[in-house]
Amino acid sequence: MTSSAVRSASRNEEGAVSAVIVLAFATDPMTRWSLGEAQTYLAVMPDLIRAFGAAAYDSDSAYVSDDFGGAALWLPPGVEPDIETLGHLIRKNADPAIMPDVDAIFEAMERYHPKVPHWYLPLIGADPARQGQGIGSALMRHALARCDREGVAAYLESSNPRNIPLYQRHGFEVLGTIQIGSSPVLTPMLRPPQPATS
């Protein structure tokens, strides 16, 4: 395991950040359930990333490891993903047969979303060639230190069961599970505000 420095990415680095996340989600169960064909996934995923997390650049909360081995897009309290664009992209590109399930998943996600102020993590990932090197943990520590300084909760939905232990090590608690029809399981997780460490 190597140590990774983490910093905020600028808007002009959005392409590089998106490329890392596209690679990281190439085998993600929920993402590939909704975008099953490789060509469709590669064409559409950058737009989905933008709709989910581009607002992070306005809050200096688009984080990257110093060598772009991993990235995370965090949205601050009160800032939401572009749900309208997300819905349009999925309706246009997913198998029409799963659309009722997709709609039900978005409704369930909304029910789990905390009503208290919180930082929301829609996307985090490491380049598959760099996974297992501690990049995800470094990204989490960097962002959660900011949450703790601000005394604010953190929230995410894990779309891959393999990642749940990582999130639990960083203080996230499972709130429940979302599974509709043929979909994989999505796991909403909340990390309550924690005292900032000096």
Protein backbone atom coordinates (compact mmCIF):
# COMPACT_ATOMS: atom_id res chain seq x y z
CA MET A 1 0.00 0.00 0.00
CA THR A 2 1.30 3.42 -0.92
CA SER A 3 0.43 6.80 0.55
CA SER A 4 -1.56 9.07 -1.73
CA ALA A 5 -1.77 12.81 -1.37
CA VAL A 6 -5.21 14.19 -2.18
CA ARG A 7 -6.13 17.60 -3.53
CA SER A 8 -9.07 19.39 -5.10
CA ALA A 9 -9.32 19.14 -8.87
CA SER A 10 -10.08 22.19 -10.95
CA ARG A 11 -12.87 22.39 -13.52
CA ASN A 12 -10.31 22.17 -16.34
CA GLU A 13 -9.29 18.74 -14.98
CA GLU A 14 -12.82 17.39 -15.29
CA GLY A 15 -11.91 15.17 -18.25
CA ALA A 16 -9.11 13.46 -16.34
CA VAL A 17 -11.30 12.99 -13.26
CA SER A 18 -14.12 11.58 -15.38
CA ALA A 19 -11.75 9.13 -17.11
CA VAL A 20 -10.67 7.65 -13.77
CA ILE A 21 -14.26 7.26 -12.62
CA VAL A 22 -15.30 5.69 -15.95
CA LEU A 23 -12.57 3.08 -15.47
CA ALA A 24 -13.48 2.53 -11.82
CA PHE A 25 -17.16 1.88 -12.57
CA ALA A 26 -16.60 -0.38 -15.59
CA THR A 27 -17.55 -3.46 -13.53
CA ASP A 28 -19.86 -1.74 -11.02
CA PRO A 29 -22.99 -3.92 -10.64
CA MET A 30 -25.59 -1.14 -10.63
CA THR A 31 -23.97 0.93 -13.36
CA ARG A 32 -23.55 -2.00 -15.72
CA TRP A 33 -27.07 -3.26 -14.99
CA SER A 34 -28.41 0.05 -16.27
CA LEU A 35 -25.81 0.48 -19.05
CA GLY A 36 -25.09 -3.10 -20.08
CA GLU A 37 -23.52 -2.69 -23.50
CA ALA A 38 -19.86 -1.69 -23.42
CA GLN A 39 -20.16 0.87 -26.20
CA THR A 40 -23.17 2.50 -24.55
CA TYR A 41 -21.44 2.55 -21.18
CA LEU A 42 -18.31 4.23 -22.54
CA ALA A 43 -20.35 6.78 -24.51
CA VAL A 44 -22.82 7.69 -21.77
CA MET A 45 -20.92 7.34 -18.49
CA PRO A 46 -19.01 10.66 -18.77
CA ASP A 47 -22.35 12.48 -19.11
CA LEU A 48 -23.77 10.57 -16.14
CA ILE A 49 -20.72 11.53 -14.08
CA ARG A 50 -21.23 15.18 -15.02
CA ALA A 51 -24.93 15.05 -14.07
CA PHE A 52 -24.19 13.29 -10.79
CA GLY A 53 -21.23 15.27 -9.59
CA ALA A 54 -20.11 18.25 -11.67
CA ALA A 55 -21.34 20.66 -8.97
CA ALA A 56 -18.44 19.41 -6.82
CA TYR A 57 -16.04 21.60 -8.80
CA ASP A 58 -17.88 24.70 -7.56
CA SER A 59 -17.23 23.70 -3.94
CA ASP A 60 -13.60 22.56 -4.28
CA SER A 61 -14.89 19.09 -3.41
CA ALA A 62 -13.87 17.22 -6.56
CA TYR A 63 -10.95 15.33 -5.04
CA VAL A 64 -8.16 13.45 -6.81
CA SER A 65 -5.10 11.58 -5.69
CA ASP A 66 -1.95 13.41 -6.71
CA ASP A 67 -1.32 11.01 -9.62
CA PHE A 68 -4.96 10.71 -10.74
CA GLY A 69 -5.08 7.11 -9.52
CA GLY A 70 -8.47 7.83 -7.95
CA ALA A 71 -11.14 10.49 -7.67
CA ALA A 72 -14.23 11.38 -5.67
CA LEU A 73 -16.98 13.91 -6.31
CA TRP A 74 -18.66 15.23 -3.15
CA LEU A 75 -21.68 17.55 -3.12
CA PRO A 76 -22.03 19.97 -0.20
CA PRO A 77 -25.16 20.40 1.92
CA GLY A 78 -28.05 21.73 -0.14
CA VAL A 79 -26.54 20.81 -3.52
CA GLU A 80 -28.16 17.99 -5.47
CA PRO A 81 -27.23 16.02 -8.59
CA ASP A 82 -28.90 17.03 -11.85
CA ILE A 83 -31.68 14.46 -11.51
CA GLU A 84 -33.50 15.61 -14.65
CA THR A 85 -30.44 15.02 -16.84
CA LEU A 86 -29.69 11.72 -15.09
CA GLY A 87 -33.21 10.49 -15.77
CA HIS A 88 -33.06 11.57 -19.39
CA LEU A 89 -29.71 9.83 -19.99
CA ILE A 90 -30.88 6.59 -18.44
CA ARG A 91 -34.26 6.59 -20.21
CA LYS A 92 -32.50 7.18 -23.52
CA ASN A 93 -29.81 4.52 -23.08
CA ALA A 94 -30.99 1.78 -20.71
CA ASP A 95 -33.03 -1.26 -21.69
CA PRO A 96 -36.66 -0.05 -21.68
CA ALA A 97 -37.65 -3.25 -19.86
CA ILE A 98 -35.83 -2.13 -16.69
CA MET A 99 -37.08 1.46 -16.64
CA PRO A 100 -39.90 0.82 -14.12
CA ASP A 101 -37.28 -0.67 -11.79
CA VAL A 102 -34.90 2.25 -12.39
CA ASP A 103 -37.66 4.74 -11.55
CA ALA A 104 -38.47 2.83 -8.36
CA ILE A 105 -34.79 2.85 -7.37
CA PHE A 106 -34.57 6.63 -7.74
CA GLU A 107 -37.72 6.97 -5.60
CA ALA A 108 -36.22 4.72 -2.92
CA MET A 109 -32.95 6.66 -3.01
CA GLU A 110 -34.89 9.85 -2.36
CA ARG A 111 -36.61 8.28 0.67
CA TYR A 112 -33.26 7.32 2.23
CA HIS A 113 -31.57 10.64 1.52
CA PRO A 114 -31.05 12.38 4.89
CA LYS A 115 -33.19 15.40 5.71
CA VAL A 116 -30.42 16.92 7.86
CA PRO A 117 -27.57 18.90 6.25
CA HIS A 118 -25.00 16.50 4.84
CA TRP A 119 -22.22 16.04 2.34
CA TYR A 120 -23.25 13.59 -0.40
CA LEU A 121 -20.81 11.28 -2.19
CA PRO A 122 -22.34 10.21 -5.51
CA LEU A 123 -19.06 8.93 -7.03
CA ILE A 124 -15.74 7.61 -5.80
CA GLY A 125 -13.36 5.23 -7.49
CA ALA A 126 -9.81 4.20 -8.28
CA ASP A 127 -8.28 3.18 -11.57
CA PRO A 128 -8.52 -0.66 -11.58
CA ALA A 129 -4.76 -0.79 -12.17
CA ARG A 130 -4.32 1.08 -8.87
CA GLN A 131 -6.94 -0.56 -6.66
CA GLY A 132 -5.73 -2.00 -3.38
CA GLN A 133 -3.13 0.75 -2.89
CA GLY A 134 -5.07 2.78 -0.31
CA ILE A 135 -6.26 5.45 -2.73
CA GLY A 136 -9.92 5.07 -1.78
CA SER A 137 -9.08 5.41 1.90
CA ALA A 138 -6.97 8.50 1.25
CA LEU A 139 -9.82 10.09 -0.69
CA MET A 140 -12.27 9.27 2.11
CA ARG A 141 -10.01 10.61 4.88
CA HIS A 142 -9.48 13.87 3.01
CA ALA A 143 -13.20 14.50 2.44
CA LEU A 144 -14.36 13.31 5.85
CA ALA A 145 -11.90 15.64 7.59
CA ARG A 146 -13.80 18.50 5.96
CA CYS A 147 -17.15 17.03 7.05
CA ASP A 148 -15.84 16.80 10.62
CA ARG A 149 -14.46 20.35 10.61
CA GLU A 150 -17.91 21.53 9.54
CA GLY A 151 -19.74 19.20 11.95
CA VAL A 152 -21.84 17.75 9.13
CA ALA A 153 -22.96 14.20 8.32
CA ALA A 154 -21.83 12.33 5.20
CA TYR A 155 -24.07 10.14 3.03
CA LEU A 156 -23.59 7.76 0.11
CA GLU A 157 -25.23 4.84 -1.68
CA SER A 158 -22.87 1.93 -2.24
CA SER A 159 -23.54 0.37 -5.64
CA ASN A 160 -20.99 -2.40 -5.08
CA PRO A 161 -21.15 -4.67 -2.00
CA ARG A 162 -17.35 -5.08 -2.09
CA ASN A 163 -16.96 -1.44 -1.06
CA ILE A 164 -19.16 -1.54 2.04
CA PRO A 165 -16.32 -2.61 4.41
CA LEU A 166 -14.23 0.38 3.24
CA TYR A 167 -17.07 2.77 4.03
CA GLN A 168 -17.72 1.10 7.39
CA ARG A 169 -14.05 1.52 8.35
CA HIS A 170 -14.55 5.24 7.82
CA GLY A 171 -17.59 5.43 10.09
CA PHE A 172 -20.49 4.88 7.69
CA GLU A 173 -23.45 2.85 8.90
CA VAL A 174 -25.82 0.84 6.69
CA LEU A 175 -29.32 2.36 6.66
CA GLY A 176 -30.97 -0.40 4.64
CA THR A 177 -30.93 -1.85 1.15
CA ILE A 178 -32.60 -0.97 -2.13
CA GLN A 179 -33.30 -3.77 -4.58
CA ILE A 180 -36.07 -3.61 -7.17
CA GLY A 181 -36.94 -6.27 -9.74
CA SER A 182 -33.79 -7.43 -11.53
CA SER A 183 -31.56 -4.72 -10.07
CA PRO A 184 -28.44 -5.32 -8.00
CA VAL A 185 -28.51 -4.16 -4.39
CA LEU A 186 -27.88 -0.49 -3.59
CA THR A 187 -26.90 0.21 0.03
CA PRO A 188 -27.59 3.66 1.53
CA MET A 189 -25.04 4.55 4.22
CA LEU A 190 -24.77 7.46 6.64
CA ARG A 191 -21.84 8.72 8.69
CA PRO A 192 -23.02 10.91 11.58
CA PRO A 193 -21.07 14.08 12.38
CA GLN A 194 -17.91 13.25 14.30
CA PRO A 195 -15.58 15.44 16.34
CA ALA A 196 -12.82 16.91 14.19
CA THR A 197 -9.34 15.61 14.97
CA SER A 198 -6.54 18.15 15.13
